[in-house]
Amino acid sequence: MKLFDVYPLNDISIVKALGAYVWDDKGEKYVDMYGGHAVISIGHTHPHYVQRLQDQLHKVGFYSNSIKIPLQVELAEKLGSVSGKNDYQLFLCNSGAEANENALKLASFYNGRKKIIAFKKAFHGRTSLAVAVTDNPNIVAPVNQTDNVIFLPFNDEVALEQAFQQHEISSVIIEGIQGVGGINIAADSFLQKIRSLCNEHNAVYIADSVQCGYGRSGQFYAHDHSGVQADIYTMAKGMGNGFPVAGISIAPKIQPKHFMLGTTFGGNHLACAAALAVLEIIEQDDLMTNAKNIGNYLMDELKKLPAIIEVRGRGLMIGIELPEHFKEVKKNLLFKHKIFTGEAKPNVIRLLPALNISKTEANIFLEAIKTELS
């Protein structure tokens, strides 16, 4: 049997990782400014994280959600405290797509409606309903297509108001900062408008925080910058620092019923141990402040480079839009300078490093990109 070939791969095999650095099987050292799609939130192989998982594995690695799992309660309490959403409820699952799938389903259970508002350039996942609200027809199979999704221009308040007037809306799903779409920030006034219209029409505001959440923007959820509360926050990538874990944080007005949601692996003992370790380090080391400070430093320095069209982002979620003739920069950063970055089409370099990177790593990257753009 061979692998199903769906990923374009760089010819690199990573065999060791520590903090902001990874090493390949040839001994080459790389700076990781991408964190495996924003997954590595507290640095590779953080000792507290490793110890938490090892200790738990020696006790019990898995049992199903048919029994009490005290670690889930501990995680819910810690997440409520660190995120500032103590009165919310937590449902645990396994991936960002699954989190968004459950959020959309829960919204429909809540108000009995079908219509969903999503936005141009959105990416919410690859499962059935999550991909239906994703603005990429190349990954939407015929079986995923539905008339229940209304795509609107990002940050267009007039179009949003018109959609609410013309349809009975179940939910609005929006990334606080679009990731795959190119690091596009949802305007604070736009998120405030979503909140007010959802209040007026009893629709559910779903804050997709899968990539832009967990402290990455300098606040716990990127939506927090707008000063409003969503009804459901979805989270995944940075939640487990590489261990598959995800969840939705649900406002108290949405009440649970037995069997309305479910999962086999979600919230297992190891997943909870990983997620608790992440929150403990975020809190203990004040990583949201570090994300804000290092992110601001990077963006301020990048804006000084005349070749760059635009620098967008908040905290350590940064997009660098380049002219077309610099299309080889990402590849050169990786193979010439040994720096991992991400990309969004057509020509945006994405930075999504661990929240505890230092100015040392920031400066290594800045020197490399200056070289490439000179």
Protein backbone atom coordinates (compact mmCIF):
# COMPACT_ATOMS: atom_id res chain seq x y z
CA MET A 1 0.00 0.00 0.00
CA LYS A 2 1.15 3.55 -0.72
CA LEU A 3 0.05 6.89 0.66
CA PHE A 4 -2.90 8.67 -0.96
CA ASP A 5 -1.14 11.55 -2.68
CA VAL A 6 -3.04 14.68 -1.63
CA TYR A 7 -0.22 16.78 -0.12
CA PRO A 8 2.46 18.67 -2.09
CA LEU A 9 5.51 17.82 0.01
CA ASN A 10 8.82 19.53 0.65
CA ASP A 11 11.69 17.05 0.50
CA ILE A 12 12.44 17.40 4.22
CA SER A 13 12.03 14.90 7.05
CA ILE A 14 11.92 16.39 10.54
CA VAL A 15 13.29 14.06 13.23
CA LYS A 16 13.82 16.36 16.23
CA ALA A 17 12.23 19.54 17.58
CA LEU A 18 12.81 21.86 20.52
CA GLY A 19 11.28 25.25 21.23
CA ALA A 20 11.27 27.32 18.04
CA TYR A 21 13.63 24.97 16.16
CA VAL A 22 13.40 21.69 14.25
CA TRP A 23 16.10 19.43 12.78
CA ASP A 24 15.93 17.20 9.72
CA ASP A 25 17.39 13.72 9.22
CA LYS A 26 20.56 15.27 7.79
CA GLY A 27 21.20 17.32 10.92
CA GLU A 28 20.12 20.65 9.40
CA LYS A 29 18.57 23.09 11.89
CA TYR A 30 15.54 25.21 10.94
CA VAL A 31 13.73 28.10 12.59
CA ASP A 32 10.01 27.29 12.76
CA MET A 33 8.01 30.43 12.03
CA TYR A 34 4.94 28.44 11.01
CA GLY A 35 4.30 25.96 13.82
CA GLY A 36 2.75 23.36 11.52
CA HIS A 37 -0.26 25.55 10.57
CA ALA A 38 -0.41 27.42 13.93
CA VAL A 39 -0.52 24.16 15.90
CA ILE A 40 2.63 24.61 17.99
CA SER A 41 1.54 27.19 20.54
CA ILE A 42 4.00 26.69 23.43
CA GLY A 43 7.05 25.50 21.46
CA HIS A 44 8.09 22.04 20.34
CA THR A 45 8.55 19.36 23.04
CA HIS A 46 8.02 21.82 25.89
CA PRO A 47 9.19 19.97 29.04
CA HIS A 48 6.01 20.64 31.03
CA TYR A 49 3.90 19.44 28.11
CA VAL A 50 5.98 16.28 27.67
CA GLN A 51 5.85 15.53 31.40
CA ARG A 52 2.08 16.07 31.53
CA LEU A 53 1.54 13.55 28.72
CA GLN A 54 4.01 11.02 30.10
CA ASP A 55 2.47 11.13 33.57
CA GLN A 56 -1.02 10.69 32.16
CA LEU A 57 0.01 7.84 29.87
CA HIS A 58 1.32 5.93 32.88
CA LYS A 59 -2.14 6.28 34.50
CA VAL A 60 -4.73 5.87 31.72
CA GLY A 61 -4.51 6.93 28.10
CA PHE A 62 -8.11 6.46 27.03
CA TYR A 63 -11.59 5.57 28.08
CA SER A 64 -14.82 6.63 26.46
CA ASN A 65 -17.27 9.40 27.34
CA SER A 66 -19.54 6.85 28.99
CA ILE A 67 -17.77 7.51 32.32
CA LYS A 68 -16.76 10.56 34.31
CA ILE A 69 -13.42 12.02 33.24
CA PRO A 70 -12.32 14.55 35.89
CA LEU A 71 -9.65 15.93 33.56
CA GLN A 72 -12.45 17.27 31.32
CA VAL A 73 -13.88 19.23 34.24
CA GLU A 74 -10.42 20.54 35.11
CA LEU A 75 -9.86 21.57 31.49
CA ALA A 76 -13.23 23.33 31.27
CA GLU A 77 -12.50 25.30 34.43
CA LYS A 78 -9.00 26.27 33.30
CA LEU A 79 -10.21 27.24 29.80
CA GLY A 80 -13.00 29.33 31.27
CA SER A 81 -10.54 31.12 33.53
CA VAL A 82 -7.82 31.79 30.93
CA SER A 83 -10.28 32.79 28.18
CA GLY A 84 -12.45 34.91 30.47
CA LYS A 85 -15.55 32.85 29.59
CA ASN A 86 -16.23 31.22 32.97
CA ASP A 87 -19.98 30.91 32.43
CA TYR A 88 -19.64 29.11 29.07
CA GLN A 89 -19.90 25.34 28.52
CA LEU A 90 -17.28 23.12 26.86
CA PHE A 91 -17.79 20.30 24.36
CA LEU A 92 -14.60 18.48 23.40
CA CYS A 93 -13.86 16.90 20.03
CA ASN A 94 -10.83 16.21 17.82
CA SER A 95 -10.28 18.74 15.01
CA GLY A 96 -11.15 22.24 13.84
CA ALA A 97 -13.47 20.94 11.15
CA GLU A 98 -15.29 18.82 13.73
CA ALA A 99 -15.55 21.81 16.06
CA ASN A 100 -17.12 23.95 13.34
CA GLU A 101 -19.38 21.09 12.26
CA ASN A 102 -20.71 20.74 15.80
CA ALA A 103 -21.08 24.49 16.23
CA LEU A 104 -23.19 24.84 13.09
CA LYS A 105 -25.29 21.84 14.06
CA LEU A 106 -25.78 23.15 17.60
CA ALA A 107 -26.91 26.54 16.27
CA SER A 108 -29.52 24.82 14.12
CA PHE A 109 -30.72 22.76 17.08
CA TYR A 110 -31.00 26.00 19.09
CA ASN A 111 -33.24 27.99 16.74
CA GLY A 112 -34.58 25.31 14.38
CA ARG A 113 -33.29 27.10 11.28
CA LYS A 114 -31.09 26.14 8.30
CA LYS A 115 -29.58 29.22 6.68
CA ILE A 116 -25.95 30.03 7.48
CA ILE A 117 -24.02 33.18 6.62
CA ALA A 118 -20.35 32.66 5.74
CA PHE A 119 -17.84 34.92 3.99
CA LYS A 120 -15.67 35.13 0.91
CA LYS A 121 -12.18 33.63 1.38
CA ALA A 122 -13.38 31.74 4.47
CA PHE A 123 -11.87 28.41 5.45
CA HIS A 124 -13.70 26.40 8.11
CA GLY A 125 -12.65 22.79 7.44
CA ARG A 126 -13.13 19.81 5.15
CA THR A 127 -15.98 17.81 6.70
CA SER A 128 -19.45 18.01 5.20
CA LEU A 129 -20.96 21.17 6.67
CA ALA A 130 -17.63 22.81 7.52
CA VAL A 131 -16.51 22.58 3.88
CA ALA A 132 -19.92 23.84 2.70
CA VAL A 133 -19.18 27.14 4.51
CA THR A 134 -15.63 27.23 3.10
CA ASP A 135 -15.11 29.48 0.08
CA ASN A 136 -13.08 27.08 -2.05
CA PRO A 137 -15.03 25.14 -4.70
CA ASN A 138 -12.00 22.93 -5.38
CA ILE A 139 -12.50 21.08 -2.09
CA VAL A 140 -16.32 21.02 -2.05
CA ALA A 141 -17.56 17.69 -3.40
CA PRO A 142 -21.01 17.52 -5.02
CA VAL A 143 -22.38 15.78 -1.93
CA ASN A 144 -21.28 18.77 0.21
CA GLN A 145 -23.12 21.38 -1.84
CA THR A 146 -26.14 22.95 -0.16
CA ASP A 147 -28.46 25.90 -0.67
CA ASN A 148 -28.34 26.63 3.05
CA VAL A 149 -25.13 28.67 2.90
CA ILE A 150 -25.07 32.35 1.92
CA PHE A 151 -21.59 33.72 1.10
CA LEU A 152 -21.15 37.46 1.67
CA PRO A 153 -18.23 39.85 1.11
CA PHE A 154 -15.94 40.04 4.13
CA ASN A 155 -16.45 43.21 6.24
CA ASP A 156 -19.49 44.35 4.20
CA GLU A 157 -22.07 45.57 6.74
CA VAL A 158 -24.67 46.52 4.11
CA ALA A 159 -24.65 43.03 2.56
CA LEU A 160 -24.89 41.52 6.04
CA GLU A 161 -27.96 43.57 6.95
CA GLN A 162 -29.62 42.71 3.63
CA ALA A 163 -29.05 38.99 4.17
CA PHE A 164 -30.74 39.15 7.57
CA GLN A 165 -33.68 40.99 6.00
CA GLN A 166 -34.06 38.46 3.18
CA HIS A 167 -33.51 35.18 5.05
CA GLU A 168 -34.27 33.50 8.36
CA ILE A 169 -30.70 33.04 9.57
CA SER A 170 -29.62 30.21 11.84
CA SER A 171 -26.00 31.29 12.35
CA VAL A 172 -23.15 33.47 11.19
CA ILE A 173 -19.71 31.83 11.14
CA ILE A 174 -16.62 34.01 10.83
CA GLU A 175 -12.90 33.86 11.51
CA GLY A 176 -11.67 36.78 13.61
CA ILE A 177 -8.66 36.76 11.29
CA GLN A 178 -8.91 34.73 8.10
CA GLY A 179 -5.96 32.36 7.93
CA VAL A 180 -5.99 30.39 4.68
CA GLY A 181 -7.74 33.37 3.06
CA GLY A 182 -4.61 35.51 3.47
CA ILE A 183 -4.56 36.97 7.02
CA ASN A 184 -7.55 39.28 6.61
CA ILE A 185 -8.76 40.93 9.82
CA ALA A 186 -12.48 41.14 10.57
CA ALA A 187 -13.15 44.78 11.40
CA ASP A 188 -14.22 45.38 15.00
CA SER A 189 -17.29 47.27 13.78
CA PHE A 190 -18.20 44.34 11.51
CA LEU A 191 -18.08 41.83 14.37
CA GLN A 192 -20.13 44.24 16.48
CA LYS A 193 -22.70 44.41 13.67
CA ILE A 194 -22.86 40.60 13.55
CA ARG A 195 -23.47 40.57 17.29
CA SER A 196 -26.28 43.12 17.14
CA LEU A 197 -28.02 41.41 14.18
CA CYS A 198 -27.76 38.00 15.82
CA ASN A 199 -29.29 39.46 18.98
CA GLU A 200 -32.11 41.06 17.00
CA HIS A 201 -32.94 37.92 14.99
CA ASN A 202 -32.10 35.20 17.54
CA ALA A 203 -29.32 33.87 15.30
CA VAL A 204 -26.13 32.31 16.63
CA TYR A 205 -22.77 34.09 16.30
CA ILE A 206 -20.06 31.43 15.77
CA ALA A 207 -16.51 32.71 16.26
CA ASP A 208 -14.19 30.40 14.34
CA SER A 209 -11.07 30.61 16.49
CA VAL A 210 -9.46 27.43 15.21
CA GLN A 211 -6.39 29.24 13.86
CA CYS A 212 -6.75 32.78 15.25
CA GLY A 213 -7.60 31.73 18.81
CA TYR A 214 -5.72 30.46 21.84
CA GLY A 215 -3.75 33.65 22.40
CA ARG A 216 -2.34 33.92 18.89
CA SER A 217 -3.66 37.43 18.28
CA GLY A 218 -2.51 38.80 21.64
CA GLN A 219 -5.93 38.17 23.15
CA PHE A 220 -7.33 34.73 23.83
CA TYR A 221 -9.79 34.83 20.92
CA ALA A 222 -9.17 37.20 18.00
CA HIS A 223 -12.85 38.16 18.30
CA ASP A 224 -12.10 39.62 21.76
CA HIS A 225 -10.50 42.65 20.08
CA SER A 226 -13.99 43.73 19.02
CA GLY A 227 -15.32 43.88 22.57
CA VAL A 228 -18.24 41.53 21.89
CA GLN A 229 -19.09 38.01 23.02
CA ALA A 230 -19.83 35.27 20.51
CA ASP A 231 -22.36 32.55 21.24
CA ILE A 232 -19.99 29.72 20.27
CA TYR A 233 -16.20 29.77 19.96
CA THR A 234 -14.56 26.95 18.02
CA MET A 235 -10.94 26.03 18.72
CA ALA A 236 -8.40 23.39 17.78
CA LYS A 237 -4.95 24.03 16.33
CA GLY A 238 -3.03 25.59 19.21
CA MET A 239 -5.14 23.82 21.81
CA GLY A 240 -3.01 20.69 22.12
CA ASN A 241 0.42 21.81 20.82
CA GLY A 242 0.35 18.95 18.35
CA PHE A 243 -1.93 16.48 20.13
CA PRO A 244 -5.28 16.21 18.27
CA VAL A 245 -7.80 18.02 20.44
CA ALA A 246 -10.53 20.54 19.72
CA GLY A 247 -13.56 22.04 21.36
CA ILE A 248 -16.43 24.47 21.29
CA SER A 249 -17.12 26.96 24.05
CA ILE A 250 -20.88 27.48 24.27
CA ALA A 251 -22.84 30.39 25.79
CA PRO A 252 -25.17 29.56 28.69
CA LYS A 253 -28.30 30.40 26.67
CA ILE A 254 -27.75 27.25 24.55
CA GLN A 255 -28.86 24.31 26.66
CA PRO A 256 -27.61 20.72 26.18
CA LYS A 257 -29.67 17.56 25.74
CA HIS A 258 -28.34 14.03 25.97
CA PHE A 259 -27.09 12.66 22.63
CA MET A 260 -27.44 15.94 20.66
CA LEU A 261 -23.62 15.89 20.20
CA GLY A 262 -21.16 13.07 20.66
CA THR A 263 -17.64 11.81 19.99
CA THR A 264 -15.59 8.68 20.65
CA PHE A 265 -12.11 10.19 21.05
CA GLY A 266 -12.96 13.77 21.98
CA GLY A 267 -11.86 14.78 25.47
CA ASN A 268 -9.89 11.61 26.13
CA HIS A 269 -7.42 11.55 29.00
CA LEU A 270 -4.32 12.29 26.93
CA ALA A 271 -6.04 15.06 24.97
CA CYS A 272 -7.08 16.77 28.19
CA ALA A 273 -3.58 16.43 29.65
CA ALA A 274 -2.11 18.05 26.52
CA ALA A 275 -4.68 20.86 26.52
CA LEU A 276 -4.18 21.56 30.21
CA ALA A 277 -0.41 21.77 29.74
CA VAL A 278 -0.89 24.34 26.97
CA LEU A 279 -3.19 26.54 29.07
CA GLU A 280 -0.90 26.28 32.09
CA ILE A 281 2.08 27.51 30.05
CA ILE A 282 0.08 30.24 28.31
CA GLU A 283 -0.99 31.53 31.73
CA GLN A 284 2.27 30.94 33.62
CA ASP A 285 4.52 32.52 30.98
CA ASP A 286 2.06 35.24 29.89
CA LEU A 287 2.32 34.12 26.28
CA MET A 288 -0.49 36.35 25.06
CA THR A 289 1.57 39.39 26.01
CA ASN A 290 4.61 37.88 24.31
CA ALA A 291 2.57 37.20 21.17
CA LYS A 292 1.42 40.81 21.12
CA ASN A 293 4.90 42.27 21.75
CA ILE A 294 6.87 40.08 19.34
CA GLY A 295 4.10 40.33 16.76
CA ASN A 296 4.12 44.12 16.94
CA TYR A 297 7.91 44.13 16.64
CA LEU A 298 7.83 41.90 13.56
CA MET A 299 5.10 43.92 11.87
CA ASP A 300 6.77 47.26 12.63
CA GLU A 301 10.06 46.05 11.15
CA LEU A 302 8.41 44.45 8.11
CA LYS A 303 6.52 47.65 7.32
CA LYS A 304 9.86 49.40 6.87
CA LEU A 305 10.68 47.22 3.85
CA PRO A 306 9.61 49.05 0.67
CA ALA A 307 9.26 45.89 -1.44
CA ILE A 308 6.35 44.62 0.68
CA ILE A 309 2.86 45.56 -0.55
CA GLU A 310 1.14 45.13 2.84
CA VAL A 311 1.69 43.64 6.29
CA ARG A 312 -1.50 42.40 7.98
CA GLY A 313 -2.25 40.68 11.24
CA ARG A 314 -2.47 40.77 14.99
CA GLY A 315 -0.05 39.23 17.45
CA LEU A 316 1.72 36.24 15.95
CA MET A 317 -0.69 35.77 13.08
CA ILE A 318 0.96 37.81 10.34
CA GLY A 319 0.52 38.01 6.58
CA ILE A 320 3.15 39.57 4.30
CA GLU A 321 1.79 40.40 0.86
CA LEU A 322 4.51 40.46 -1.80
CA PRO A 323 4.63 41.50 -5.46
CA GLU A 324 4.30 38.67 -7.98
CA HIS A 325 7.99 38.68 -8.90
CA PHE A 326 8.87 37.63 -5.34
CA LYS A 327 6.91 34.37 -5.66
CA GLU A 328 10.02 32.28 -4.79
CA VAL A 329 10.54 33.92 -1.39
CA LYS A 330 8.80 31.23 0.68
CA LYS A 331 10.80 28.47 -1.01
CA ASN A 332 14.03 30.42 -0.61
CA LEU A 333 13.35 31.07 3.07
CA LEU A 334 13.01 27.33 3.58
CA PHE A 335 15.83 25.94 1.47
CA LYS A 336 18.38 28.79 1.56
CA HIS A 337 17.76 30.25 5.03
CA LYS A 338 16.34 27.18 6.82
CA ILE A 339 13.17 28.97 7.97
CA PHE A 340 9.69 27.44 7.84
CA THR A 341 6.90 29.84 6.89
CA GLY A 342 3.44 29.39 5.41
CA GLU A 343 1.77 30.70 2.29
CA ALA A 344 -1.62 31.93 1.17
CA LYS A 345 -2.40 32.42 -2.48
CA PRO A 346 -1.64 34.31 -4.55
CA ASN A 347 1.48 35.67 -2.86
CA VAL A 348 1.17 36.05 0.91
CA ILE A 349 3.77 34.72 3.34
CA ARG A 350 2.11 33.59 6.58
CA LEU A 351 3.84 33.65 9.98
CA LEU A 352 2.26 31.47 12.69
CA PRO A 353 5.08 30.63 15.11
CA ALA A 354 4.87 29.39 18.69
CA LEU A 355 3.62 32.08 21.07
CA ASN A 356 6.85 31.99 23.07
CA ILE A 357 9.30 32.83 20.29
CA SER A 358 11.81 35.52 21.16
CA LYS A 359 13.34 38.49 19.36
CA THR A 360 16.22 36.18 18.48
CA GLU A 361 14.03 34.12 16.14
CA ALA A 362 12.20 37.23 14.95
CA ASN A 363 15.51 38.83 13.96
CA ILE A 364 16.73 35.70 12.17
CA PHE A 365 13.59 35.83 10.06
CA LEU A 366 13.82 39.58 9.46
CA GLU A 367 17.41 39.34 8.25
CA ALA A 368 16.51 36.50 5.90
CA ILE A 369 13.53 38.24 4.32
CA LYS A 370 15.50 41.47 3.96
CA THR A 371 18.09 39.49 2.01
CA GLU A 372 15.42 37.98 -0.24
CA LEU A 373 13.73 41.31 -0.93
CA SER A 374 16.88 43.32 -1.55
